[in-house]
Amino acid sequence: MRIAEAQQLMRQLYGPRDAARGQEQTFLWLIEEVGELSQALRGKGEHTKEEEFADVLAWLLSLANVAGVDLERALLAKYPMRCPRCGANPCACPPA
């Protein structure tokens, strides 16, 4: 599934609910899911890493829909198959 297809799926499943909730509340749900992912990565909480990664992605896609952002296009514009800082693929930037 491409990013655009996943974003369309979230729009079909939850578009009206997401729009009614609005950008700020949808963002807060995304943050909550990131917290749950953090717990899953540390072996805490009741959900698996896979479930939490899926939830974070779904909420990010929903937030992009509410904000009117085509996430696939935005990702390719920012990361055009190479590192935006050094221009290499793979990245050759010094470690942070």
PDB file of N, CA and C in Angstrom:
ATOM      1  N   MET A   1       0.846  -1.173   0.000  1.00  0.00           N
ATOM      2  CA  MET A   1       0.000   0.000   0.000  1.00  0.00           C
ATOM      3  C   MET A   1       0.897   1.243   0.000  1.00  0.00           C
ATOM      4  N   ARG A   2       0.606   2.150  -0.867  1.00  0.00           N
ATOM      5  CA  ARG A   2       1.337   3.417  -0.913  1.00  0.00           C
ATOM      6  C   ARG A   2       0.813   4.348   0.182  1.00  0.00           C
ATOM      7  N   ILE A   3       1.607   5.353   0.484  1.00  0.00           N
ATOM      8  CA  ILE A   3       1.200   6.315   1.506  1.00  0.00           C
ATOM      9  C   ILE A   3      -0.109   6.986   1.112  1.00  0.00           C
ATOM     10  N   ALA A   4      -0.242   7.365  -0.145  1.00  0.00           N
ATOM     11  CA  ALA A   4      -1.467   8.017  -0.610  1.00  0.00           C
ATOM     12  C   ALA A   4      -2.678   7.104  -0.434  1.00  0.00           C
ATOM     13  N   GLU A   5      -2.506   5.816  -0.661  1.00  0.00           N
ATOM     14  CA  GLU A   5      -3.604   4.861  -0.485  1.00  0.00           C
ATOM     15  C   GLU A   5      -3.978   4.738   0.993  1.00  0.00           C
ATOM     16  N   ALA A   6      -2.975   4.706   1.854  1.00  0.00           N
ATOM     17  CA  ALA A   6      -3.238   4.634   3.291  1.00  0.00           C
ATOM     18  C   ALA A   6      -3.943   5.900   3.766  1.00  0.00           C
ATOM     19  N   GLN A   7      -3.523   7.045   3.257  1.00  0.00           N
ATOM     20  CA  GLN A   7      -4.163   8.303   3.644  1.00  0.00           C
ATOM     21  C   GLN A   7      -5.609   8.333   3.161  1.00  0.00           C
ATOM     22  N   GLN A   8      -5.854   7.820   1.973  1.00  0.00           N
ATOM     23  CA  GLN A   8      -7.223   7.763   1.451  1.00  0.00           C
ATOM     24  C   GLN A   8      -8.075   6.806   2.290  1.00  0.00           C
ATOM     25  N   LEU A   9      -7.500   5.691   2.712  1.00  0.00           N
ATOM     26  CA  LEU A   9      -8.229   4.754   3.562  1.00  0.00           C
ATOM     27  C   LEU A   9      -8.668   5.426   4.861  1.00  0.00           C
ATOM     28  N   MET A  10      -7.768   6.162   5.500  1.00  0.00           N
ATOM     29  CA  MET A  10      -8.129   6.863   6.732  1.00  0.00           C
ATOM     30  C   MET A  10      -9.201   7.911   6.462  1.00  0.00           C
ATOM     31  N   ARG A  11      -9.123   8.568   5.300  1.00  0.00           N
ATOM     32  CA  ARG A  11     -10.143   9.564   4.929  1.00  0.00           C
ATOM     33  C   ARG A  11     -11.505   8.888   4.769  1.00  0.00           C
ATOM     34  N   GLN A  12     -11.518   7.709   4.123  1.00  0.00           N
ATOM     35  CA  GLN A  12     -12.774   6.986   3.933  1.00  0.00           C
ATOM     36  C   GLN A  12     -13.335   6.494   5.265  1.00  0.00           C
ATOM     37  N   LEU A  13     -12.484   5.945   6.101  1.00  0.00           N
ATOM     38  CA  LEU A  13     -12.935   5.382   7.369  1.00  0.00           C
ATOM     39  C   LEU A  13     -13.355   6.443   8.379  1.00  0.00           C
ATOM     40  N   TYR A  14     -12.575   7.530   8.467  1.00  0.00           N
ATOM     41  CA  TYR A  14     -12.736   8.462   9.579  1.00  0.00           C
ATOM     42  C   TYR A  14     -12.839   9.936   9.185  1.00  0.00           C
ATOM     43  N   GLY A  15     -12.879  10.236   7.899  1.00  0.00           N
ATOM     44  CA  GLY A  15     -12.854  11.627   7.444  1.00  0.00           C
ATOM     45  C   GLY A  15     -13.817  12.559   8.150  1.00  0.00           C
ATOM     46  N   PRO A  16     -15.118  12.255   8.166  1.00  0.00           N
ATOM     47  CA  PRO A  16     -16.060  13.162   8.826  1.00  0.00           C
ATOM     48  C   PRO A  16     -15.797  13.299  10.330  1.00  0.00           C
ATOM     49  N   ARG A  17     -15.450  12.195  10.992  1.00  0.00           N
ATOM     50  CA  ARG A  17     -15.160  12.255  12.433  1.00  0.00           C
ATOM     51  C   ARG A  17     -13.916  13.086  12.698  1.00  0.00           C
ATOM     52  N   ASP A  18     -12.882  12.886  11.863  1.00  0.00           N
ATOM     53  CA  ASP A  18     -11.647  13.651  12.034  1.00  0.00           C
ATOM     54  C   ASP A  18     -11.901  15.133  11.807  1.00  0.00           C
ATOM     55  N   ALA A  19     -12.669  15.454  10.773  1.00  0.00           N
ATOM     56  CA  ALA A  19     -12.966  16.861  10.479  1.00  0.00           C
ATOM     57  C   ALA A  19     -13.746  17.500  11.629  1.00  0.00           C
ATOM     58  N   ALA A  20     -14.692  16.769  12.186  1.00  0.00           N
ATOM     59  CA  ALA A  20     -15.475  17.311  13.300  1.00  0.00           C
ATOM     60  C   ALA A  20     -14.608  17.496  14.543  1.00  0.00           C
ATOM     61  N   ARG A  21     -13.651  16.598  14.749  1.00  0.00           N
ATOM     62  CA  ARG A  21     -12.760  16.687  15.910  1.00  0.00           C
ATOM     63  C   ARG A  21     -11.820  17.875  15.756  1.00  0.00           C
ATOM     64  N   GLY A  22     -11.372  18.102  14.544  1.00  0.00           N
ATOM     65  CA  GLY A  22     -10.488  19.227  14.271  1.00  0.00           C
ATOM     66  C   GLY A  22      -9.014  18.885  14.414  1.00  0.00           C
ATOM     67  N   GLN A  23      -8.219  19.816  13.976  1.00  0.00           N
ATOM     68  CA  GLN A  23      -6.773  19.621  13.910  1.00  0.00           C
ATOM     69  C   GLN A  23      -6.136  19.483  15.298  1.00  0.00           C
ATOM     70  N   GLU A  24      -6.489  20.344  16.229  1.00  0.00           N
ATOM     71  CA  GLU A  24      -5.851  20.325  17.545  1.00  0.00           C
ATOM     72  C   GLU A  24      -6.142  19.027  18.295  1.00  0.00           C
ATOM     73  N   GLN A  25      -7.394  18.609  18.314  1.00  0.00           N
ATOM     74  CA  GLN A  25      -7.750  17.381  19.029  1.00  0.00           C
ATOM     75  C   GLN A  25      -7.179  16.138  18.328  1.00  0.00           C
ATOM     76  N   THR A  26      -7.131  16.154  17.005  1.00  0.00           N
ATOM     77  CA  THR A  26      -6.540  15.031  16.281  1.00  0.00           C
ATOM     78  C   THR A  26      -5.052  14.953  16.592  1.00  0.00           C
ATOM     79  N   PHE A  27      -4.391  16.092  16.689  1.00  0.00           N
ATOM     80  CA  PHE A  27      -2.978  16.122  17.063  1.00  0.00           C
ATOM     81  C   PHE A  27      -2.780  15.533  18.463  1.00  0.00           C
ATOM     82  N   LEU A  28      -3.651  15.874  19.391  1.00  0.00           N
ATOM     83  CA  LEU A  28      -3.538  15.342  20.746  1.00  0.00           C
ATOM     84  C   LEU A  28      -3.702  13.829  20.772  1.00  0.00           C
ATOM     85  N   TRP A  29      -4.587  13.284  19.938  1.00  0.00           N
ATOM     86  CA  TRP A  29      -4.723  11.837  19.837  1.00  0.00           C
ATOM     87  C   TRP A  29      -3.438  11.219  19.306  1.00  0.00           C
ATOM     88  N   LEU A  30      -2.827  11.870  18.316  1.00  0.00           N
ATOM     89  CA  LEU A  30      -1.553  11.375  17.772  1.00  0.00           C
ATOM     90  C   LEU A  30      -0.499  11.322  18.872  1.00  0.00           C
ATOM     91  N   ILE A  31      -0.405  12.368  19.663  1.00  0.00           N
ATOM     92  CA  ILE A  31       0.574  12.415  20.748  1.00  0.00           C
ATOM     93  C   ILE A  31       0.317  11.297  21.763  1.00  0.00           C
ATOM     94  N   GLU A  32      -0.938  11.049  22.070  1.00  0.00           N
ATOM     95  CA  GLU A  32      -1.268   9.953  22.995  1.00  0.00           C
ATOM     96  C   GLU A  32      -0.785   8.615  22.437  1.00  0.00           C
ATOM     97  N   GLU A  33      -0.989   8.413  21.140  1.00  0.00           N
ATOM     98  CA  GLU A  33      -0.548   7.160  20.515  1.00  0.00           C
ATOM     99  C   GLU A  33       0.976   7.049  20.495  1.00  0.00           C
ATOM    100  N   VAL A  34       1.670   8.166  20.328  1.00  0.00           N
ATOM    101  CA  VAL A  34       3.137   8.143  20.395  1.00  0.00           C
ATOM    102  C   VAL A  34       3.583   7.716  21.792  1.00  0.00           C
ATOM    103  N   GLY A  35       2.889   8.179  22.806  1.00  0.00           N
ATOM    104  CA  GLY A  35       3.189   7.760  24.168  1.00  0.00           C
ATOM    105  C   GLY A  35       2.986   6.261  24.359  1.00  0.00           C
ATOM    106  N   GLU A  36       1.915   5.724  23.794  1.00  0.00           N
ATOM    107  CA  GLU A  36       1.669   4.283  23.881  1.00  0.00           C
ATOM    108  C   GLU A  36       2.730   3.500  23.129  1.00  0.00           C
ATOM    109  N   LEU A  37       3.198   4.039  21.999  1.00  0.00           N
ATOM    110  CA  LEU A  37       4.285   3.396  21.264  1.00  0.00           C
ATOM    111  C   LEU A  37       5.550   3.383  22.106  1.00  0.00           C
ATOM    112  N   SER A  38       5.824   4.467  22.790  1.00  0.00           N
ATOM    113  CA  SER A  38       6.986   4.541  23.669  1.00  0.00           C
ATOM    114  C   SER A  38       6.936   3.443  24.723  1.00  0.00           C
ATOM    115  N   GLN A  39       5.772   3.253  25.317  1.00  0.00           N
ATOM    116  CA  GLN A  39       5.622   2.200  26.317  1.00  0.00           C
ATOM    117  C   GLN A  39       5.846   0.823  25.696  1.00  0.00           C
ATOM    118  N   ALA A  40       5.282   0.596  24.520  1.00  0.00           N
ATOM    119  CA  ALA A  40       5.435  -0.704  23.852  1.00  0.00           C
ATOM    120  C   ALA A  40       6.898  -0.976  23.502  1.00  0.00           C
ATOM    121  N   LEU A  41       7.622   0.050  23.074  1.00  0.00           N
ATOM    122  CA  LEU A  41       9.036  -0.128  22.738  1.00  0.00           C
ATOM    123  C   LEU A  41       9.871  -0.485  23.964  1.00  0.00           C
ATOM    124  N   ARG A  42       9.416  -0.043  25.131  1.00  0.00           N
ATOM    125  CA  ARG A  42      10.113  -0.349  26.381  1.00  0.00           C
ATOM    126  C   ARG A  42       9.583  -1.612  27.045  1.00  0.00           C
ATOM    127  N   GLY A  43       8.674  -2.312  26.351  1.00  0.00           N
ATOM    128  CA  GLY A  43       8.134  -3.547  26.902  1.00  0.00           C
ATOM    129  C   GLY A  43       7.096  -3.338  27.971  1.00  0.00           C
ATOM    130  N   LYS A  44       6.534  -2.157  28.026  1.00  0.00           N
ATOM    131  CA  LYS A  44       5.499  -1.842  29.013  1.00  0.00           C
ATOM    132  C   LYS A  44       4.178  -1.641  28.293  1.00  0.00           C
ATOM    133  N   GLY A  45       3.107  -1.626  29.011  1.00  0.00           N
ATOM    134  CA  GLY A  45       1.799  -1.407  28.407  1.00  0.00           C
ATOM    135  C   GLY A  45       1.201  -2.713  27.927  1.00  0.00           C
ATOM    136  N   GLU A  46       0.003  -2.604  27.398  1.00  0.00           N
ATOM    137  CA  GLU A  46      -0.748  -3.806  27.054  1.00  0.00           C
ATOM    138  C   GLU A  46      -0.764  -4.123  25.562  1.00  0.00           C
ATOM    139  N   HIS A  47      -0.224  -3.247  24.731  1.00  0.00           N
ATOM    140  CA  HIS A  47      -0.298  -3.447  23.290  1.00  0.00           C
ATOM    141  C   HIS A  47       1.081  -3.770  22.714  1.00  0.00           C
ATOM    142  N   THR A  48       1.068  -4.359  21.529  1.00  0.00           N
ATOM    143  CA  THR A  48       2.318  -4.716  20.872  1.00  0.00           C
ATOM    144  C   THR A  48       2.900  -3.528  20.115  1.00  0.00           C
ATOM    145  N   LYS A  49       4.188  -3.616  19.819  1.00  0.00           N
ATOM    146  CA  LYS A  49       4.837  -2.570  19.017  1.00  0.00           C
ATOM    147  C   LYS A  49       4.127  -2.410  17.680  1.00  0.00           C
ATOM    148  N   GLU A  50       3.766  -3.527  17.057  1.00  0.00           N
ATOM    149  CA  GLU A  50       3.119  -3.471  15.743  1.00  0.00           C
ATOM    150  C   GLU A  50       1.810  -2.692  15.807  1.00  0.00           C
ATOM    151  N   GLU A  51       1.006  -2.967  16.832  1.00  0.00           N
ATOM    152  CA  GLU A  51      -0.264  -2.251  16.985  1.00  0.00           C
ATOM    153  C   GLU A  51      -0.028  -0.763  17.179  1.00  0.00           C
ATOM    154  N   GLU A  52       0.940  -0.434  17.989  1.00  0.00           N
ATOM    155  CA  GLU A  52       1.181   0.977  18.294  1.00  0.00           C
ATOM    156  C   GLU A  52       1.785   1.714  17.104  1.00  0.00           C
ATOM    157  N   PHE A  53       2.684   1.073  16.359  1.00  0.00           N
ATOM    158  CA  PHE A  53       3.188   1.703  15.135  1.00  0.00           C
ATOM    159  C   PHE A  53       2.033   1.963  14.171  1.00  0.00           C
ATOM    160  N   ALA A  54       1.129   0.995  14.038  1.00  0.00           N
ATOM    161  CA  ALA A  54      -0.025   1.162  13.145  1.00  0.00           C
ATOM    162  C   ALA A  54      -0.908   2.315  13.612  1.00  0.00           C
ATOM    163  N   ASP A  55      -1.131   2.404  14.930  1.00  0.00           N
ATOM    164  CA  ASP A  55      -1.957   3.495  15.458  1.00  0.00           C
ATOM    165  C   ASP A  55      -1.310   4.859  15.210  1.00  0.00           C
ATOM    166  N   VAL A  56      -0.008   4.962  15.442  1.00  0.00           N
ATOM    167  CA  VAL A  56       0.687   6.238  15.217  1.00  0.00           C
ATOM    168  C   VAL A  56       0.577   6.638  13.746  1.00  0.00           C
ATOM    169  N   LEU A  57       0.802   5.688  12.852  1.00  0.00           N
ATOM    170  CA  LEU A  57       0.705   6.002  11.426  1.00  0.00           C
ATOM    171  C   LEU A  57      -0.715   6.410  11.047  1.00  0.00           C
ATOM    172  N   ALA A  58      -1.707   5.689  11.558  1.00  0.00           N
ATOM    173  CA  ALA A  58      -3.099   6.012  11.230  1.00  0.00           C
ATOM    174  C   ALA A  58      -3.467   7.419  11.702  1.00  0.00           C
ATOM    175  N   TRP A  59      -3.058   7.769  12.928  1.00  0.00           N
ATOM    176  CA  TRP A  59      -3.373   9.103  13.432  1.00  0.00           C
ATOM    177  C   TRP A  59      -2.594  10.190  12.691  1.00  0.00           C
ATOM    178  N   LEU A  60      -1.361   9.899  12.278  1.00  0.00           N
ATOM    179  CA  LEU A  60      -0.600  10.865  11.479  1.00  0.00           C
ATOM    180  C   LEU A  60      -1.285  11.092  10.136  1.00  0.00           C
ATOM    181  N   LEU A  61      -1.746  10.028   9.510  1.00  0.00           N
ATOM    182  CA  LEU A  61      -2.459  10.154   8.242  1.00  0.00           C
ATOM    183  C   LEU A  61      -3.757  10.940   8.431  1.00  0.00           C
ATOM    184  N   SER A  62      -4.477  10.666   9.516  1.00  0.00           N
ATOM    185  CA  SER A  62      -5.709  11.416   9.790  1.00  0.00           C
ATOM    186  C   SER A  62      -5.421  12.900  10.016  1.00  0.00           C
ATOM    187  N   LEU A  63      -4.359  13.181  10.759  1.00  0.00           N
ATOM    188  CA  LEU A  63      -3.992  14.579  10.998  1.00  0.00           C
ATOM    189  C   LEU A  63      -3.630  15.269   9.687  1.00  0.00           C
ATOM    190  N   ALA A  64      -2.904  14.580   8.835  1.00  0.00           N
ATOM    191  CA  ALA A  64      -2.568  15.152   7.525  1.00  0.00           C
ATOM    192  C   ALA A  64      -3.841  15.447   6.735  1.00  0.00           C
ATOM    193  N   ASN A  65      -4.813  14.551   6.803  1.00  0.00           N
ATOM    194  CA  ASN A  65      -6.087  14.795   6.113  1.00  0.00           C
ATOM    195  C   ASN A  65      -6.768  16.048   6.648  1.00  0.00           C
ATOM    196  N   VAL A  66      -6.855  16.166   7.962  1.00  0.00           N
ATOM    197  CA  VAL A  66      -7.508  17.330   8.574  1.00  0.00           C
ATOM    198  C   VAL A  66      -6.768  18.616   8.200  1.00  0.00           C
ATOM    199  N   ALA A  67      -5.437  18.539   8.140  1.00  0.00           N
ATOM    200  CA  ALA A  67      -4.621  19.717   7.837  1.00  0.00           C
ATOM    201  C   ALA A  67      -4.520  19.997   6.335  1.00  0.00           C
ATOM    202  N   GLY A  68      -5.065  19.113   5.503  1.00  0.00           N
ATOM    203  CA  GLY A  68      -5.026  19.318   4.062  1.00  0.00           C
ATOM    204  C   GLY A  68      -3.655  19.068   3.451  1.00  0.00           C
ATOM    205  N   VAL A  69      -2.900  18.141   4.034  1.00  0.00           N
ATOM    206  CA  VAL A  69      -1.555  17.839   3.553  1.00  0.00           C
ATOM    207  C   VAL A  69      -1.552  16.481   2.865  1.00  0.00           C
ATOM    208  N   ASP A  70      -1.051  16.442   1.637  1.00  0.00           N
ATOM    209  CA  ASP A  70      -0.812  15.186   0.929  1.00  0.00           C
ATOM    210  C   ASP A  70       0.520  14.657   1.440  1.00  0.00           C
ATOM    211  N   LEU A  71       0.460  13.689   2.336  1.00  0.00           N
ATOM    212  CA  LEU A  71       1.655  13.239   3.041  1.00  0.00           C
ATOM    213  C   LEU A  71       2.671  12.565   2.114  1.00  0.00           C
ATOM    214  N   GLU A  72       2.208  11.819   1.141  1.00  0.00           N
ATOM    215  CA  GLU A  72       3.136  11.194   0.197  1.00  0.00           C
ATOM    216  C   GLU A  72       3.906  12.249  -0.591  1.00  0.00           C
ATOM    217  N   ARG A  73       3.207  13.237  -1.078  1.00  0.00           N
ATOM    218  CA  ARG A  73       3.859  14.312  -1.837  1.00  0.00           C
ATOM    219  C   ARG A  73       4.813  15.101  -0.941  1.00  0.00           C
ATOM    220  N   ALA A  74       4.391  15.386   0.286  1.00  0.00           N
ATOM    221  CA  ALA A  74       5.244  16.131   1.221  1.00  0.00           C
ATOM    222  C   ALA A  74       6.521  15.349   1.543  1.00  0.00           C
ATOM    223  N   LEU A  75       6.389  14.047   1.751  1.00  0.00           N
ATOM    224  CA  LEU A  75       7.552  13.221   2.066  1.00  0.00           C
ATOM    225  C   LEU A  75       8.541  13.194   0.906  1.00  0.00           C
ATOM    226  N   LEU A  76       8.035  13.015  -0.299  1.00  0.00           N
ATOM    227  CA  LEU A  76       8.924  12.977  -1.465  1.00  0.00           C
ATOM    228  C   LEU A  76       9.541  14.338  -1.766  1.00  0.00           C
ATOM    229  N   ALA A  77       8.830  15.404  -1.449  1.00  0.00           N
ATOM    230  CA  ALA A  77       9.405  16.738  -1.648  1.00  0.00           C
ATOM    231  C   ALA A  77      10.535  16.993  -0.655  1.00  0.00           C
ATOM    232  N   LYS A  78      10.371  16.554   0.571  1.00  0.00           N
ATOM    233  CA  LYS A  78      11.378  16.767   1.614  1.00  0.00           C
ATOM    234  C   LYS A  78      12.548  15.784   1.480  1.00  0.00           C
ATOM    235  N   TYR A  79      12.239  14.537   1.105  1.00  0.00           N
ATOM    236  CA  TYR A  79      13.241  13.468   0.993  1.00  0.00           C
ATOM    237  C   TYR A  79      13.189  12.867  -0.411  1.00  0.00           C
ATOM    238  N   PRO A  80      13.740  13.568  -1.399  1.00  0.00           N
ATOM    239  CA  PRO A  80      13.641  13.128  -2.800  1.00  0.00           C
ATOM    240  C   PRO A  80      14.627  11.996  -3.132  1.00  0.00           C
ATOM    241  N   MET A  81      14.476  10.884  -2.417  1.00  0.00           N
ATOM    242  CA  MET A  81      15.311   9.697  -2.632  1.00  0.00           C
ATOM    243  C   MET A  81      16.765   9.921  -2.240  1.00  0.00           C
ATOM    244  N   ARG A  82      16.988  10.949  -1.433  1.00  0.00           N
ATOM    245  CA  ARG A  82      18.335  11.232  -0.932  1.00  0.00           C
ATOM    246  C   ARG A  82      18.209  12.066   0.332  1.00  0.00           C
ATOM    247  N   CYS A  83      19.296  12.136   1.099  1.00  0.00           N
ATOM    248  CA  CYS A  83      19.303  12.931   2.316  1.00  0.00           C
ATOM    249  C   CYS A  83      19.172  14.413   1.951  1.00  0.00           C
ATOM    250  N   PRO A  84      18.244  15.145   2.587  1.00  0.00           N
ATOM    251  CA  PRO A  84      18.098  16.555   2.244  1.00  0.00           C
ATOM    252  C   PRO A  84      19.274  17.419   2.688  1.00  0.00           C
ATOM    253  N   ARG A  85      20.092  16.927   3.628  1.00  0.00           N
ATOM    254  CA  ARG A  85      21.242  17.714   4.092  1.00  0.00           C
ATOM    255  C   ARG A  85      22.475  17.487   3.228  1.00  0.00           C
ATOM    256  N   CYS A  86      22.869  16.216   3.054  1.00  0.00           N
ATOM    257  CA  CYS A  86      24.126  15.945   2.330  1.00  0.00           C
ATOM    258  C   CYS A  86      23.904  15.553   0.888  1.00  0.00           C
ATOM    259  N   GLY A  87      22.685  15.207   0.519  1.00  0.00           N
ATOM    260  CA  GLY A  87      22.364  14.837  -0.852  1.00  0.00           C
ATOM    261  C   GLY A  87      22.742  13.424  -1.230  1.00  0.00           C
ATOM    262  N   ALA A  88      23.215  12.642  -0.280  1.00  0.00           N
ATOM    263  CA  ALA A  88      23.658  11.275  -0.566  1.00  0.00           C
ATOM    264  C   ALA A  88      22.562  10.270  -0.249  1.00  0.00           C
ATOM    265  N   ASN A  89      22.705   9.094  -0.869  1.00  0.00           N
ATOM    266  CA  ASN A  89      21.833   7.957  -0.590  1.00  0.00           C
ATOM    267  C   ASN A  89      22.700   6.704  -0.601  1.00  0.00           C
ATOM    268  N   PRO A  90      23.015   6.138   0.572  1.00  0.00           N
ATOM    269  CA  PRO A  90      22.520   6.498   1.900  1.00  0.00           C
ATOM    270  C   PRO A  90      23.171   7.753   2.445  1.00  0.00           C
ATOM    271  N   CYS A  91      22.590   8.281   3.480  1.00  0.00           N
ATOM    272  CA  CYS A  91      23.075   9.500   4.120  1.00  0.00           C
ATOM    273  C   CYS A  91      24.543   9.361   4.523  1.00  0.00           C
ATOM    274  N   ALA A  92      25.299  10.417   4.245  1.00  0.00           N
ATOM    275  CA  ALA A  92      26.718  10.450   4.619  1.00  0.00           C
ATOM    276  C   ALA A  92      27.001  11.542   5.649  1.00  0.00           C
ATOM    277  N   CYS A  93      25.960  12.085   6.248  1.00  0.00           N
ATOM    278  CA  CYS A  93      26.141  13.127   7.267  1.00  0.00           C
ATOM    279  C   CYS A  93      26.876  12.533   8.473  1.00  0.00           C
ATOM    280  N   PRO A  94      27.678  13.350   9.150  1.00  0.00           N
ATOM    281  CA  PRO A  94      28.301  12.854  10.385  1.00  0.00           C
ATOM    282  C   PRO A  94      27.227  12.548  11.425  1.00  0.00           C
ATOM    283  N   PRO A  95      27.463  11.543  12.275  1.00  0.00           N
ATOM    284  CA  PRO A  95      26.485  11.218  13.311  1.00  0.00           C
ATOM    285  C   PRO A  95      26.215  12.406  14.226  1.00  0.00           C
ATOM    286  N   ALA A  96      24.977  12.510  14.658  1.00  0.00           N
ATOM    287  CA  ALA A  96      24.585  13.617  15.549  1.00  0.00           C
ATOM    288  C   ALA A  96      24.962  13.311  16.978  1.00  0.00           C
TER     289      ALA A  96
END
